[in-house]
N, C-alpha and C. Protein backbone atom coordinates (compact mmCIF):
# COMPACT_ATOMS: atom_id res chain seq x y z
N MET A 1 0.83 -1.18 0.00
CA MET A 1 0.00 0.00 0.00
C MET A 1 0.87 1.24 0.00
N ASN A 2 0.47 2.19 -0.78
CA ASN A 2 1.22 3.44 -0.75
C ASN A 2 0.59 4.39 0.26
N LYS A 3 1.18 5.57 0.37
CA LYS A 3 0.74 6.54 1.38
C LYS A 3 -0.68 7.02 1.17
N GLN A 4 -1.06 7.23 -0.10
CA GLN A 4 -2.39 7.75 -0.39
C GLN A 4 -3.46 6.72 -0.02
N GLN A 5 -3.24 5.46 -0.35
CA GLN A 5 -4.20 4.42 0.00
C GLN A 5 -4.31 4.27 1.50
N ASN A 6 -3.19 4.38 2.17
CA ASN A 6 -3.18 4.28 3.63
C ASN A 6 -3.97 5.42 4.27
N SER A 7 -3.81 6.64 3.74
CA SER A 7 -4.53 7.78 4.30
C SER A 7 -6.03 7.68 4.00
N GLU A 8 -6.38 7.16 2.81
CA GLU A 8 -7.79 6.97 2.47
C GLU A 8 -8.42 5.93 3.39
N LEU A 9 -7.70 4.87 3.67
CA LEU A 9 -8.20 3.83 4.56
C LEU A 9 -8.35 4.36 5.98
N SER A 10 -7.39 5.15 6.44
CA SER A 10 -7.47 5.69 7.79
C SER A 10 -8.57 6.73 7.91
N ALA A 11 -9.00 7.35 6.81
CA ALA A 11 -10.12 8.28 6.84
C ALA A 11 -11.45 7.54 6.74
N PHE A 12 -11.47 6.38 6.06
CA PHE A 12 -12.69 5.62 5.86
C PHE A 12 -13.11 4.84 7.10
N LEU A 13 -12.17 4.26 7.81
CA LEU A 13 -12.49 3.40 8.95
C LEU A 13 -13.26 4.11 10.06
N PRO A 14 -12.90 5.33 10.47
CA PRO A 14 -13.73 6.00 11.49
C PRO A 14 -15.15 6.30 11.00
N MET A 15 -15.29 6.62 9.72
CA MET A 15 -16.63 6.86 9.18
C MET A 15 -17.46 5.57 9.20
N LEU A 16 -16.84 4.45 8.87
CA LEU A 16 -17.52 3.16 8.91
C LEU A 16 -17.92 2.81 10.35
N GLN A 17 -17.02 3.04 11.28
CA GLN A 17 -17.30 2.75 12.68
C GLN A 17 -18.47 3.58 13.19
N LYS A 18 -18.50 4.85 12.87
CA LYS A 18 -19.60 5.71 13.30
C LYS A 18 -20.90 5.32 12.63
N GLY A 19 -20.85 4.92 11.36
CA GLY A 19 -22.04 4.48 10.65
C GLY A 19 -22.64 3.22 11.26
N ILE A 20 -21.79 2.27 11.61
CA ILE A 20 -22.26 1.05 12.25
C ILE A 20 -22.87 1.37 13.61
N TRP A 21 -22.26 2.29 14.34
CA TRP A 21 -22.78 2.66 15.66
C TRP A 21 -24.15 3.32 15.55
N VAL A 22 -24.32 4.21 14.60
CA VAL A 22 -25.62 4.88 14.41
C VAL A 22 -26.67 3.87 13.95
N PHE A 23 -26.30 2.96 13.06
CA PHE A 23 -27.23 1.91 12.63
C PHE A 23 -27.64 1.04 13.82
N GLY A 24 -26.70 0.77 14.71
CA GLY A 24 -27.01 0.00 15.91
C GLY A 24 -28.00 0.72 16.82
N ILE A 25 -27.85 2.03 16.94
CA ILE A 25 -28.79 2.81 17.76
C ILE A 25 -30.20 2.71 17.17
N LEU A 26 -30.31 2.87 15.86
CA LEU A 26 -31.62 2.77 15.22
C LEU A 26 -32.22 1.38 15.41
N SER A 27 -31.39 0.36 15.33
CA SER A 27 -31.86 -1.01 15.51
C SER A 27 -32.34 -1.24 16.94
N TRP A 28 -31.60 -0.74 17.92
CA TRP A 28 -32.00 -0.91 19.31
C TRP A 28 -33.29 -0.15 19.62
N ILE A 29 -33.43 1.05 19.05
CA ILE A 29 -34.66 1.81 19.27
C ILE A 29 -35.85 1.06 18.66
N PHE A 30 -35.67 0.50 17.47
CA PHE A 30 -36.74 -0.28 16.85
C PHE A 30 -37.07 -1.50 17.73
N GLY A 31 -36.06 -2.20 18.22
CA GLY A 31 -36.29 -3.37 19.06
C GLY A 31 -36.99 -3.03 20.36
N LEU A 32 -36.58 -1.95 21.00
CA LEU A 32 -37.24 -1.54 22.24
C LEU A 32 -38.68 -1.12 22.00
N THR A 33 -38.92 -0.43 20.89
CA THR A 33 -40.29 -0.04 20.56
C THR A 33 -41.15 -1.27 20.29
N ASP A 34 -40.62 -2.22 19.56
CA ASP A 34 -41.34 -3.45 19.27
C ASP A 34 -41.66 -4.21 20.55
N ARG A 35 -40.68 -4.34 21.44
CA ARG A 35 -40.91 -5.04 22.70
C ARG A 35 -41.94 -4.31 23.56
N SER A 36 -41.89 -2.99 23.56
CA SER A 36 -42.84 -2.21 24.36
C SER A 36 -44.26 -2.37 23.84
N ILE A 37 -44.41 -2.33 22.53
CA ILE A 37 -45.74 -2.52 21.94
C ILE A 37 -46.25 -3.93 22.23
N ALA A 38 -45.38 -4.93 22.09
CA ALA A 38 -45.78 -6.31 22.38
C ALA A 38 -46.14 -6.48 23.85
N LEU A 39 -45.44 -5.80 24.72
CA LEU A 39 -45.70 -5.91 26.15
C LEU A 39 -47.05 -5.31 26.51
N LEU A 40 -47.40 -4.20 25.87
CA LEU A 40 -48.64 -3.50 26.21
C LEU A 40 -49.85 -3.95 25.39
N SER A 41 -49.65 -4.69 24.31
CA SER A 41 -50.76 -5.01 23.42
C SER A 41 -51.71 -6.07 23.95
N ASP A 42 -51.22 -7.00 24.77
CA ASP A 42 -52.09 -8.09 25.22
C ASP A 42 -52.87 -7.76 26.49
N GLY A 43 -52.60 -6.64 27.10
CA GLY A 43 -53.42 -6.20 28.21
C GLY A 43 -52.93 -6.58 29.59
N TYR A 44 -51.95 -7.45 29.69
CA TYR A 44 -51.40 -7.77 31.02
C TYR A 44 -49.89 -7.87 30.94
N LEU A 45 -49.25 -7.63 32.07
CA LEU A 45 -47.79 -7.65 32.14
C LEU A 45 -47.33 -8.97 32.75
N SER A 46 -46.49 -9.67 32.05
CA SER A 46 -45.90 -10.89 32.61
C SER A 46 -44.46 -10.60 33.01
N ALA A 47 -43.96 -11.41 33.89
CA ALA A 47 -42.60 -11.22 34.38
C ALA A 47 -41.58 -11.42 33.25
N ILE A 48 -41.86 -12.35 32.35
CA ILE A 48 -40.92 -12.62 31.25
C ILE A 48 -40.84 -11.41 30.32
N ASP A 49 -41.99 -10.79 30.04
CA ASP A 49 -41.97 -9.60 29.18
C ASP A 49 -41.19 -8.46 29.80
N ILE A 50 -41.36 -8.26 31.09
CA ILE A 50 -40.65 -7.18 31.79
C ILE A 50 -39.14 -7.45 31.80
N VAL A 51 -38.76 -8.70 32.03
CA VAL A 51 -37.33 -9.06 32.03
C VAL A 51 -36.74 -8.84 30.64
N GLN A 52 -37.49 -9.20 29.59
CA GLN A 52 -37.00 -8.99 28.23
C GLN A 52 -36.81 -7.50 27.94
N LEU A 53 -37.75 -6.69 28.39
CA LEU A 53 -37.64 -5.25 28.16
C LEU A 53 -36.46 -4.65 28.92
N PHE A 54 -36.27 -5.05 30.17
CA PHE A 54 -35.13 -4.54 30.94
C PHE A 54 -33.80 -5.02 30.36
N THR A 55 -33.77 -6.25 29.86
CA THR A 55 -32.54 -6.77 29.24
C THR A 55 -32.21 -5.99 27.97
N ALA A 56 -33.21 -5.75 27.14
CA ALA A 56 -32.98 -4.99 25.91
C ALA A 56 -32.55 -3.56 26.24
N SER A 57 -33.15 -2.98 27.28
CA SER A 57 -32.76 -1.62 27.69
C SER A 57 -31.32 -1.58 28.18
N PHE A 58 -30.92 -2.60 28.92
CA PHE A 58 -29.54 -2.67 29.41
C PHE A 58 -28.55 -2.75 28.24
N PHE A 59 -28.86 -3.60 27.25
CA PHE A 59 -27.97 -3.72 26.10
C PHE A 59 -27.94 -2.44 25.27
N PHE A 60 -29.07 -1.74 25.19
CA PHE A 60 -29.11 -0.47 24.47
C PHE A 60 -28.21 0.56 25.16
N LEU A 61 -28.30 0.65 26.48
CA LEU A 61 -27.44 1.58 27.21
C LEU A 61 -25.97 1.19 27.07
N SER A 62 -25.69 -0.10 27.06
CA SER A 62 -24.32 -0.55 26.85
C SER A 62 -23.81 -0.15 25.47
N TRP A 63 -24.69 -0.25 24.48
CA TRP A 63 -24.33 0.15 23.12
C TRP A 63 -24.02 1.65 23.06
N LEU A 64 -24.77 2.45 23.80
CA LEU A 64 -24.52 3.89 23.81
C LEU A 64 -23.13 4.22 24.37
N PHE A 65 -22.67 3.44 25.36
CA PHE A 65 -21.35 3.68 25.94
C PHE A 65 -20.22 3.24 25.02
N LEU A 66 -20.53 2.52 23.95
CA LEU A 66 -19.52 2.13 22.97
C LEU A 66 -19.34 3.19 21.88
N SER A 67 -19.80 4.38 22.13
CA SER A 67 -19.79 5.46 21.15
C SER A 67 -18.38 5.73 20.62
N PRO A 68 -18.24 5.77 19.29
CA PRO A 68 -16.93 6.13 18.73
C PRO A 68 -16.67 7.63 18.84
N PHE A 69 -17.67 8.41 19.26
CA PHE A 69 -17.50 9.86 19.40
C PHE A 69 -16.82 10.22 20.72
N LEU A 70 -16.89 9.32 21.70
CA LEU A 70 -16.26 9.57 22.99
C LEU A 70 -14.82 9.11 22.93
N ASP A 71 -13.90 9.96 23.37
CA ASP A 71 -12.48 9.60 23.39
C ASP A 71 -12.09 9.35 24.84
N LEU A 72 -12.30 8.12 25.28
CA LEU A 72 -11.99 7.79 26.67
C LEU A 72 -10.53 7.44 26.87
N ASN A 73 -9.78 7.26 25.80
CA ASN A 73 -8.38 6.84 25.92
C ASN A 73 -7.42 8.01 26.05
N SER A 74 -7.93 9.22 25.93
CA SER A 74 -7.02 10.37 26.02
C SER A 74 -6.60 10.57 27.46
N GLN A 75 -5.34 10.75 27.65
CA GLN A 75 -4.78 10.95 28.99
C GLN A 75 -4.59 12.44 29.20
N ARG A 76 -5.46 13.02 29.99
CA ARG A 76 -5.35 14.46 30.26
C ARG A 76 -4.60 14.67 31.56
N GLN A 77 -3.67 15.59 31.51
CA GLN A 77 -2.90 15.89 32.72
C GLN A 77 -3.57 17.05 33.45
N PRO A 78 -3.60 16.99 34.77
CA PRO A 78 -4.13 18.12 35.51
C PRO A 78 -3.29 19.36 35.27
N LYS A 79 -3.88 20.52 35.46
CA LYS A 79 -3.16 21.78 35.22
C LYS A 79 -1.93 21.88 36.10
N GLY A 80 -0.86 22.29 35.48
CA GLY A 80 0.37 22.53 36.22
C GLY A 80 1.24 21.30 36.38
N GLU A 81 0.70 20.08 36.12
CA GLU A 81 1.48 18.89 36.34
C GLU A 81 2.44 18.64 35.17
N GLY A 82 2.09 19.10 33.96
CA GLY A 82 2.95 18.89 32.81
C GLY A 82 4.09 19.89 32.72
N ILE A 83 4.06 20.93 33.52
CA ILE A 83 5.09 21.97 33.49
C ILE A 83 6.21 21.56 34.44
N GLN A 84 7.44 21.61 33.96
CA GLN A 84 8.57 21.22 34.81
C GLN A 84 9.52 22.36 34.99
């Protein structure tokens, strides 16, 4: 690979990662909406339906914390500590 192909690939991968993450959010919202409608449509709440809804909600929140927009790996130094 030459330099131009490498730079194109390094520009494409973050866009792909963000696209997959946004698609995942839309999928989780659809799934939660579907589960909520199914839970409320039959007129009574069962324990299994509630557990399924809470499980899906937990996974949706976990997916949100996998955001490629958050830079959790950056090491920030407190003020004055980097000055010697």
